[in-house]
Amino acid sequence: MEEERVETVKRRGCIKDTRGPWIVRRRGRGGKMTVSLRRPTERERENNCERERRRRMVTARIFAGLRAHGNYCLPKHADQNEVLKALCEEAGWHVEEDGTVYRKTSIEGPSNTNCNNLYPDCHAETRKETEEDELSLNLTLSFKYM
């Protein structure tokens, strides 16, 4: 007797995972909230999944570019809040965990000690090259061209 395995394909990252109706809330004429149920088609659900997949792909490419070319110390699965914090740090603002923002008293360089403590392996090669460039500039007193 052969046992048949039933494999269910679980989609990841879709807007709505269940197959039930969507709840739509609208503000009526008198300012009153009206709630109605809407049953989207299968095609509409697929389009939403594809749209979300493309959005996540674009976001991942942007974050990869910031890590590679912008010298931002971002974790592997960064979200928009972490990117905003990194941009604030670069601009000379300090962001607390609760979201409070205030101006730094002294502006540090791009190799921020706070960033190095959070993600020690982030851009280790870039820091090494920068240190070598500084050493060569200090020792030879000449410009290094790329």
N, C-alpha and C. Protein backbone atom coordinates (compact mmCIF):
# COMPACT_ATOMS: atom_id res chain seq x y z
N MET A 1 0.83 -1.18 0.00
CA MET A 1 0.00 0.00 0.00
C MET A 1 0.88 1.25 0.00
N GLU A 2 0.62 2.08 -0.94
CA GLU A 2 1.37 3.32 -1.01
C GLU A 2 0.65 4.40 -0.23
N GLU A 3 1.45 5.09 0.51
CA GLU A 3 0.88 6.19 1.26
C GLU A 3 1.04 7.47 0.45
N GLU A 4 -0.02 8.16 0.27
CA GLU A 4 0.04 9.41 -0.46
C GLU A 4 0.25 10.56 0.53
N ARG A 5 1.24 11.35 0.19
CA ARG A 5 1.51 12.52 1.01
C ARG A 5 0.83 13.73 0.38
N VAL A 6 0.09 14.38 1.17
CA VAL A 6 -0.59 15.58 0.68
C VAL A 6 0.26 16.77 1.10
N GLU A 7 0.81 17.44 0.10
CA GLU A 7 1.64 18.60 0.37
C GLU A 7 0.81 19.85 0.16
N THR A 8 0.77 20.65 1.17
CA THR A 8 0.05 21.91 1.04
C THR A 8 1.07 23.01 0.79
N VAL A 9 0.80 23.81 -0.18
CA VAL A 9 1.68 24.92 -0.50
C VAL A 9 1.23 26.12 0.32
N LYS A 10 2.08 26.54 1.21
CA LYS A 10 1.76 27.70 2.03
C LYS A 10 2.48 28.90 1.45
N ARG A 11 1.73 29.89 1.08
CA ARG A 11 2.30 31.10 0.52
C ARG A 11 2.79 31.98 1.66
N ARG A 12 3.94 32.57 1.42
CA ARG A 12 4.51 33.43 2.43
C ARG A 12 4.41 34.88 2.00
N GLY A 13 4.05 35.73 2.91
CA GLY A 13 4.09 37.15 2.67
C GLY A 13 2.89 37.73 1.95
N CYS A 14 1.86 36.98 1.74
CA CYS A 14 0.67 37.54 1.10
C CYS A 14 -0.03 38.49 2.06
N ILE A 15 -0.78 39.39 1.51
CA ILE A 15 -1.50 40.34 2.35
C ILE A 15 -2.51 39.61 3.22
N LYS A 16 -3.26 38.75 2.61
CA LYS A 16 -4.33 38.04 3.32
C LYS A 16 -4.12 36.56 3.09
N ASP A 17 -3.92 35.80 4.16
CA ASP A 17 -3.65 34.37 4.04
C ASP A 17 -4.93 33.55 4.02
N THR A 18 -5.96 34.05 4.66
CA THR A 18 -7.21 33.30 4.73
C THR A 18 -8.02 33.53 3.46
N ARG A 19 -8.96 32.67 3.20
CA ARG A 19 -9.78 32.78 2.01
C ARG A 19 -11.13 33.42 2.28
N GLY A 20 -11.34 33.92 3.46
CA GLY A 20 -12.61 34.53 3.81
C GLY A 20 -12.74 35.92 3.21
N PRO A 21 -13.85 36.58 3.47
CA PRO A 21 -14.07 37.92 2.92
C PRO A 21 -13.19 38.95 3.61
N TRP A 22 -12.93 40.03 2.91
CA TRP A 22 -12.17 41.14 3.47
C TRP A 22 -13.14 42.11 4.12
N ILE A 23 -12.73 42.66 5.24
CA ILE A 23 -13.56 43.65 5.93
C ILE A 23 -13.17 45.03 5.40
N VAL A 24 -14.14 45.77 4.91
CA VAL A 24 -13.91 47.10 4.36
C VAL A 24 -14.60 48.10 5.27
N ARG A 25 -13.84 49.07 5.76
CA ARG A 25 -14.40 50.12 6.62
C ARG A 25 -14.36 51.44 5.85
N ARG A 26 -15.50 52.09 5.77
CA ARG A 26 -15.60 53.37 5.08
C ARG A 26 -16.31 54.38 5.96
N ARG A 27 -15.99 55.63 5.74
CA ARG A 27 -16.67 56.71 6.45
C ARG A 27 -17.85 57.15 5.59
N GLY A 28 -19.03 57.09 6.17
CA GLY A 28 -20.25 57.44 5.46
C GLY A 28 -20.47 58.93 5.35
N ARG A 29 -21.63 59.32 4.86
CA ARG A 29 -21.93 60.74 4.65
C ARG A 29 -22.02 61.51 5.95
N GLY A 30 -22.58 60.94 6.94
CA GLY A 30 -22.73 61.63 8.22
C GLY A 30 -21.49 61.52 9.10
N GLY A 31 -20.39 61.01 8.56
CA GLY A 31 -19.18 60.82 9.36
C GLY A 31 -19.19 59.51 10.11
N LYS A 32 -20.21 58.72 9.86
CA LYS A 32 -20.37 57.44 10.54
C LYS A 32 -19.57 56.36 9.80
N MET A 33 -18.95 55.45 10.55
CA MET A 33 -18.18 54.36 9.94
C MET A 33 -19.12 53.25 9.52
N THR A 34 -18.99 52.81 8.27
CA THR A 34 -19.77 51.67 7.79
C THR A 34 -18.82 50.52 7.52
N VAL A 35 -19.24 49.33 7.86
CA VAL A 35 -18.43 48.14 7.68
C VAL A 35 -19.16 47.22 6.72
N SER A 36 -18.44 46.76 5.70
CA SER A 36 -19.04 45.81 4.76
C SER A 36 -18.03 44.70 4.48
N LEU A 37 -18.54 43.60 3.98
CA LEU A 37 -17.68 42.47 3.63
C LEU A 37 -17.51 42.43 2.11
N ARG A 38 -16.31 42.14 1.67
CA ARG A 38 -16.02 42.09 0.25
C ARG A 38 -15.31 40.79 -0.06
N ARG A 39 -15.72 40.12 -1.09
CA ARG A 39 -15.09 38.85 -1.48
C ARG A 39 -14.25 39.08 -2.74
N PRO A 40 -12.92 39.15 -2.58
CA PRO A 40 -12.06 39.37 -3.75
C PRO A 40 -11.96 38.10 -4.59
N THR A 41 -11.69 38.29 -5.87
CA THR A 41 -11.53 37.15 -6.76
C THR A 41 -10.16 36.52 -6.54
N GLU A 42 -10.00 35.32 -7.05
CA GLU A 42 -8.70 34.64 -6.94
C GLU A 42 -7.61 35.43 -7.67
N ARG A 43 -7.96 36.00 -8.80
CA ARG A 43 -7.00 36.81 -9.57
C ARG A 43 -6.55 38.04 -8.77
N GLU A 44 -7.47 38.67 -8.08
CA GLU A 44 -7.13 39.84 -7.27
C GLU A 44 -6.20 39.45 -6.12
N ARG A 45 -6.44 38.30 -5.53
CA ARG A 45 -5.55 37.82 -4.46
C ARG A 45 -4.15 37.56 -5.01
N GLU A 46 -4.07 36.94 -6.19
CA GLU A 46 -2.76 36.68 -6.81
C GLU A 46 -2.04 38.00 -7.13
N ASN A 47 -2.78 38.98 -7.63
CA ASN A 47 -2.17 40.28 -7.92
C ASN A 47 -1.63 40.93 -6.66
N ASN A 48 -2.35 40.82 -5.56
CA ASN A 48 -1.87 41.37 -4.29
C ASN A 48 -0.60 40.68 -3.83
N CYS A 49 -0.55 39.35 -3.99
CA CYS A 49 0.65 38.60 -3.61
C CYS A 49 1.84 39.03 -4.45
N GLU A 50 1.63 39.18 -5.77
CA GLU A 50 2.71 39.60 -6.66
C GLU A 50 3.18 41.01 -6.33
N ARG A 51 2.25 41.91 -6.04
CA ARG A 51 2.59 43.28 -5.69
C ARG A 51 3.44 43.31 -4.42
N GLU A 52 3.05 42.54 -3.43
CA GLU A 52 3.83 42.47 -2.19
C GLU A 52 5.21 41.87 -2.43
N ARG A 53 5.29 40.86 -3.25
CA ARG A 53 6.57 40.22 -3.57
C ARG A 53 7.51 41.22 -4.25
N ARG A 54 6.98 41.98 -5.22
CA ARG A 54 7.79 42.99 -5.90
C ARG A 54 8.23 44.09 -4.93
N ARG A 55 7.32 44.50 -4.04
CA ARG A 55 7.67 45.53 -3.07
C ARG A 55 8.80 45.08 -2.16
N ARG A 56 8.71 43.83 -1.69
CA ARG A 56 9.78 43.31 -0.82
C ARG A 56 11.09 43.17 -1.58
N MET A 57 11.04 42.81 -2.86
CA MET A 57 12.24 42.66 -3.67
C MET A 57 12.93 44.02 -3.85
N VAL A 58 12.15 45.06 -4.14
CA VAL A 58 12.72 46.39 -4.31
C VAL A 58 13.33 46.87 -3.00
N THR A 59 12.64 46.65 -1.90
CA THR A 59 13.16 47.05 -0.59
C THR A 59 14.47 46.33 -0.28
N ALA A 60 14.53 45.05 -0.58
CA ALA A 60 15.76 44.29 -0.32
C ALA A 60 16.91 44.82 -1.17
N ARG A 61 16.64 45.20 -2.41
CA ARG A 61 17.70 45.75 -3.27
C ARG A 61 18.18 47.10 -2.75
N ILE A 62 17.25 47.92 -2.29
CA ILE A 62 17.64 49.23 -1.74
C ILE A 62 18.53 49.04 -0.52
N PHE A 63 18.13 48.16 0.39
CA PHE A 63 18.93 47.93 1.59
C PHE A 63 20.29 47.33 1.25
N ALA A 64 20.34 46.42 0.28
CA ALA A 64 21.62 45.84 -0.14
C ALA A 64 22.53 46.93 -0.71
N GLY A 65 21.97 47.84 -1.48
CA GLY A 65 22.76 48.94 -2.02
C GLY A 65 23.27 49.87 -0.94
N LEU A 66 22.44 50.15 0.07
CA LEU A 66 22.89 50.99 1.17
C LEU A 66 24.02 50.32 1.95
N ARG A 67 23.91 49.00 2.13
CA ARG A 67 24.98 48.28 2.83
C ARG A 67 26.27 48.30 2.02
N ALA A 68 26.15 48.04 0.72
CA ALA A 68 27.34 47.89 -0.12
C ALA A 68 28.00 49.23 -0.45
N HIS A 69 27.21 50.23 -0.82
CA HIS A 69 27.78 51.46 -1.33
C HIS A 69 27.65 52.64 -0.39
N GLY A 70 26.74 52.57 0.56
CA GLY A 70 26.50 53.70 1.44
C GLY A 70 27.17 53.58 2.79
N ASN A 71 27.86 52.45 3.04
CA ASN A 71 28.53 52.20 4.32
C ASN A 71 27.57 52.31 5.50
N TYR A 72 26.34 51.82 5.31
CA TYR A 72 25.38 51.78 6.41
C TYR A 72 25.46 50.42 7.07
N CYS A 73 25.55 50.42 8.39
CA CYS A 73 25.58 49.17 9.14
C CYS A 73 24.15 48.76 9.44
N LEU A 74 23.57 47.98 8.55
CA LEU A 74 22.20 47.53 8.72
C LEU A 74 22.19 46.03 8.91
N PRO A 75 21.30 45.51 9.76
CA PRO A 75 21.20 44.06 9.91
C PRO A 75 20.66 43.43 8.63
N LYS A 76 20.73 42.11 8.56
CA LYS A 76 20.32 41.40 7.34
C LYS A 76 18.87 41.68 6.99
N HIS A 77 17.98 41.67 7.95
CA HIS A 77 16.56 41.92 7.71
C HIS A 77 16.18 43.27 8.32
N ALA A 78 16.68 44.34 7.72
CA ALA A 78 16.42 45.67 8.24
C ALA A 78 15.02 46.13 7.85
N ASP A 79 14.45 47.00 8.66
CA ASP A 79 13.17 47.60 8.30
C ASP A 79 13.38 49.10 8.10
N GLN A 80 12.34 49.80 7.73
CA GLN A 80 12.46 51.22 7.42
C GLN A 80 12.91 52.03 8.63
N ASN A 81 12.52 51.64 9.83
CA ASN A 81 12.91 52.39 11.02
C ASN A 81 14.42 52.35 11.22
N GLU A 82 15.05 51.20 10.97
CA GLU A 82 16.49 51.11 11.13
C GLU A 82 17.22 51.94 10.09
N VAL A 83 16.68 52.00 8.88
CA VAL A 83 17.28 52.83 7.84
C VAL A 83 17.16 54.30 8.21
N LEU A 84 16.01 54.71 8.72
CA LEU A 84 15.84 56.10 9.15
C LEU A 84 16.80 56.44 10.29
N LYS A 85 16.99 55.51 11.22
CA LYS A 85 17.94 55.75 12.31
C LYS A 85 19.35 55.92 11.77
N ALA A 86 19.75 55.09 10.80
CA ALA A 86 21.08 55.20 10.22
C ALA A 86 21.25 56.53 9.49
N LEU A 87 20.22 56.97 8.78
CA LEU A 87 20.28 58.27 8.09
C LEU A 87 20.38 59.42 9.09
N CYS A 88 19.64 59.33 10.20
CA CYS A 88 19.71 60.36 11.24
C CYS A 88 21.10 60.40 11.86
N GLU A 89 21.68 59.23 12.12
CA GLU A 89 23.02 59.17 12.69
C GLU A 89 24.03 59.84 11.75
N GLU A 90 23.88 59.59 10.45
CA GLU A 90 24.80 60.18 9.48
C GLU A 90 24.63 61.70 9.41
N ALA A 91 23.41 62.16 9.57
CA ALA A 91 23.13 63.60 9.48
C ALA A 91 23.48 64.35 10.76
N GLY A 92 23.86 63.63 11.81
CA GLY A 92 24.25 64.29 13.04
C GLY A 92 23.17 64.35 14.10
N TRP A 93 22.18 63.51 13.99
CA TRP A 93 21.10 63.44 14.97
C TRP A 93 21.15 62.11 15.67
N HIS A 94 20.78 62.10 16.95
CA HIS A 94 20.76 60.86 17.72
C HIS A 94 19.31 60.46 17.94
N VAL A 95 19.01 59.16 17.72
CA VAL A 95 17.65 58.65 17.87
C VAL A 95 17.63 57.67 19.03
N GLU A 96 16.79 57.96 20.03
CA GLU A 96 16.62 57.05 21.16
C GLU A 96 15.75 55.86 20.75
N GLU A 97 15.68 54.84 21.61
CA GLU A 97 14.86 53.66 21.32
C GLU A 97 13.37 53.99 21.23
N ASP A 98 12.93 54.99 21.99
CA ASP A 98 11.51 55.36 21.96
C ASP A 98 11.17 56.30 20.81
N GLY A 99 12.17 56.70 20.01
CA GLY A 99 11.91 57.56 18.86
C GLY A 99 12.24 59.01 19.08
N THR A 100 12.71 59.37 20.28
CA THR A 100 13.08 60.75 20.56
C THR A 100 14.34 61.10 19.76
N VAL A 101 14.31 62.25 19.09
CA VAL A 101 15.43 62.67 18.25
C VAL A 101 16.00 63.97 18.80
N TYR A 102 17.34 64.04 18.93
CA TYR A 102 17.97 65.28 19.32
C TYR A 102 19.33 65.38 18.66
N ARG A 103 19.83 66.61 18.56
CA ARG A 103 21.08 66.89 17.87
C ARG A 103 22.24 66.36 18.69
N LYS A 104 23.23 65.77 18.01
CA LYS A 104 24.44 65.33 18.70
C LYS A 104 25.29 66.54 19.02
N THR A 105 26.07 66.43 20.10
CA THR A 105 26.95 67.54 20.45
C THR A 105 28.19 67.54 19.57
N SER A 106 28.70 66.37 19.25
CA SER A 106 29.84 66.28 18.34
C SER A 106 29.49 65.33 17.21
N ILE A 107 29.78 65.74 16.00
CA ILE A 107 29.45 64.91 14.83
C ILE A 107 30.61 63.96 14.60
N GLU A 108 30.28 62.68 14.57
CA GLU A 108 31.29 61.65 14.35
C GLU A 108 31.34 61.30 12.88
N GLY A 109 32.39 60.59 12.48
CA GLY A 109 32.54 60.17 11.09
C GLY A 109 31.60 59.04 10.75
N PRO A 110 31.69 58.53 9.50
CA PRO A 110 30.80 57.45 9.08
C PRO A 110 31.05 56.14 9.80
N SER A 111 32.27 55.92 10.32
CA SER A 111 32.51 54.69 11.08
C SER A 111 32.18 54.96 12.54
N ASN A 112 30.93 55.06 12.81
CA ASN A 112 30.36 55.41 14.11
C ASN A 112 30.63 54.29 15.12
N THR A 113 31.05 54.63 16.33
CA THR A 113 31.34 53.60 17.32
C THR A 113 30.09 52.88 17.75
N ASN A 114 28.96 53.59 17.79
CA ASN A 114 27.69 52.96 18.15
C ASN A 114 27.33 51.89 17.13
N CYS A 115 27.53 52.19 15.87
CA CYS A 115 27.24 51.23 14.80
C CYS A 115 28.20 50.04 14.89
N ASN A 116 29.46 50.31 15.20
CA ASN A 116 30.43 49.22 15.29
C ASN A 116 30.12 48.29 16.45
N ASN A 117 29.56 48.82 17.53
CA ASN A 117 29.20 47.97 18.66
C ASN A 117 27.99 47.11 18.34
N LEU A 118 27.02 47.66 17.60
CA LEU A 118 25.82 46.90 17.27
C LEU A 118 26.11 45.78 16.28
N TYR A 119 26.89 46.09 15.24
CA TYR A 119 27.18 45.12 14.18
C TYR A 119 28.69 45.11 13.95
N PRO A 120 29.45 44.35 14.75
CA PRO A 120 30.90 44.43 14.69
C PRO A 120 31.50 43.95 13.36
N ASP A 121 30.86 43.03 12.66
CA ASP A 121 31.43 42.53 11.42
C ASP A 121 31.02 43.35 10.21
N CYS A 122 30.18 44.31 10.42
CA CYS A 122 29.66 45.12 9.32
C CYS A 122 30.76 46.02 8.77
N HIS A 123 31.08 45.89 7.52
CA HIS A 123 32.05 46.72 6.80
C HIS A 123 33.43 46.68 7.43
N ALA A 124 33.86 45.52 7.89
CA ALA A 124 35.20 45.40 8.47
C ALA A 124 36.26 45.69 7.43
N GLU A 125 36.03 45.24 6.19
CA GLU A 125 36.99 45.49 5.12
C GLU A 125 37.08 46.97 4.80
N THR A 126 35.96 47.66 4.79
CA THR A 126 35.95 49.09 4.49
C THR A 126 36.72 49.85 5.55
N ARG A 127 36.53 49.48 6.82
CA ARG A 127 37.26 50.15 7.90
C ARG A 127 38.76 49.89 7.76
N LYS A 128 39.13 48.66 7.36
CA LYS A 128 40.53 48.31 7.21
C LYS A 128 41.15 49.14 6.09
N GLU A 129 40.44 49.25 4.95
CA GLU A 129 40.95 50.04 3.83
C GLU A 129 41.09 51.51 4.23
N THR A 130 40.13 52.02 4.98
CA THR A 130 40.18 53.42 5.42
C THR A 130 41.39 53.65 6.32
N GLU A 131 41.65 52.71 7.23
CA GLU A 131 42.81 52.83 8.11
C GLU A 131 44.10 52.79 7.30
N GLU A 132 44.17 51.90 6.28
CA GLU A 132 45.37 51.83 5.44
C GLU A 132 45.55 53.13 4.66
N ASP A 133 44.46 53.69 4.14
CA ASP A 133 44.54 54.96 3.41
C ASP A 133 45.05 56.07 4.32
N GLU A 134 44.55 56.12 5.55
CA GLU A 134 45.00 57.14 6.49
C GLU A 134 46.48 56.96 6.81
N LEU A 135 46.92 55.72 6.98
CA LEU A 135 48.33 55.47 7.25
C LEU A 135 49.19 55.90 6.08
N SER A 136 48.77 55.55 4.87
CA SER A 136 49.57 55.90 3.71
C SER A 136 49.59 57.42 3.52
N LEU A 137 48.48 58.08 3.80
CA LEU A 137 48.46 59.53 3.67
C LEU A 137 49.34 60.19 4.73
N ASN A 138 49.31 59.67 5.93
CA ASN A 138 50.12 60.25 7.00
C ASN A 138 51.60 60.00 6.78
N LEU A 139 51.96 58.86 6.22
CA LEU A 139 53.37 58.52 6.04
C LEU A 139 53.97 59.17 4.81
N THR A 140 53.23 59.24 3.72
CA THR A 140 53.81 59.73 2.47
C THR A 140 53.46 61.18 2.19
N LEU A 141 52.44 61.68 2.84
CA LEU A 141 51.97 63.05 2.60
C LEU A 141 51.64 63.29 1.13
N SER A 142 51.10 62.28 0.47
CA SER A 142 50.69 62.43 -0.92
C SER A 142 49.25 61.96 -1.07
N PHE A 143 48.62 62.37 -2.16
CA PHE A 143 47.25 61.96 -2.41
C PHE A 143 47.23 60.57 -3.03
N LYS A 144 46.22 59.83 -2.69
CA LYS A 144 46.05 58.50 -3.26
C LYS A 144 44.90 58.56 -4.24
N TYR A 145 45.18 58.29 -5.50
CA TYR A 145 44.15 58.35 -6.53
C TYR A 145 43.56 56.98 -6.75
N MET A 146 42.27 56.98 -7.09
CA MET A 146 41.60 55.71 -7.35
C MET A 146 41.65 55.39 -8.82
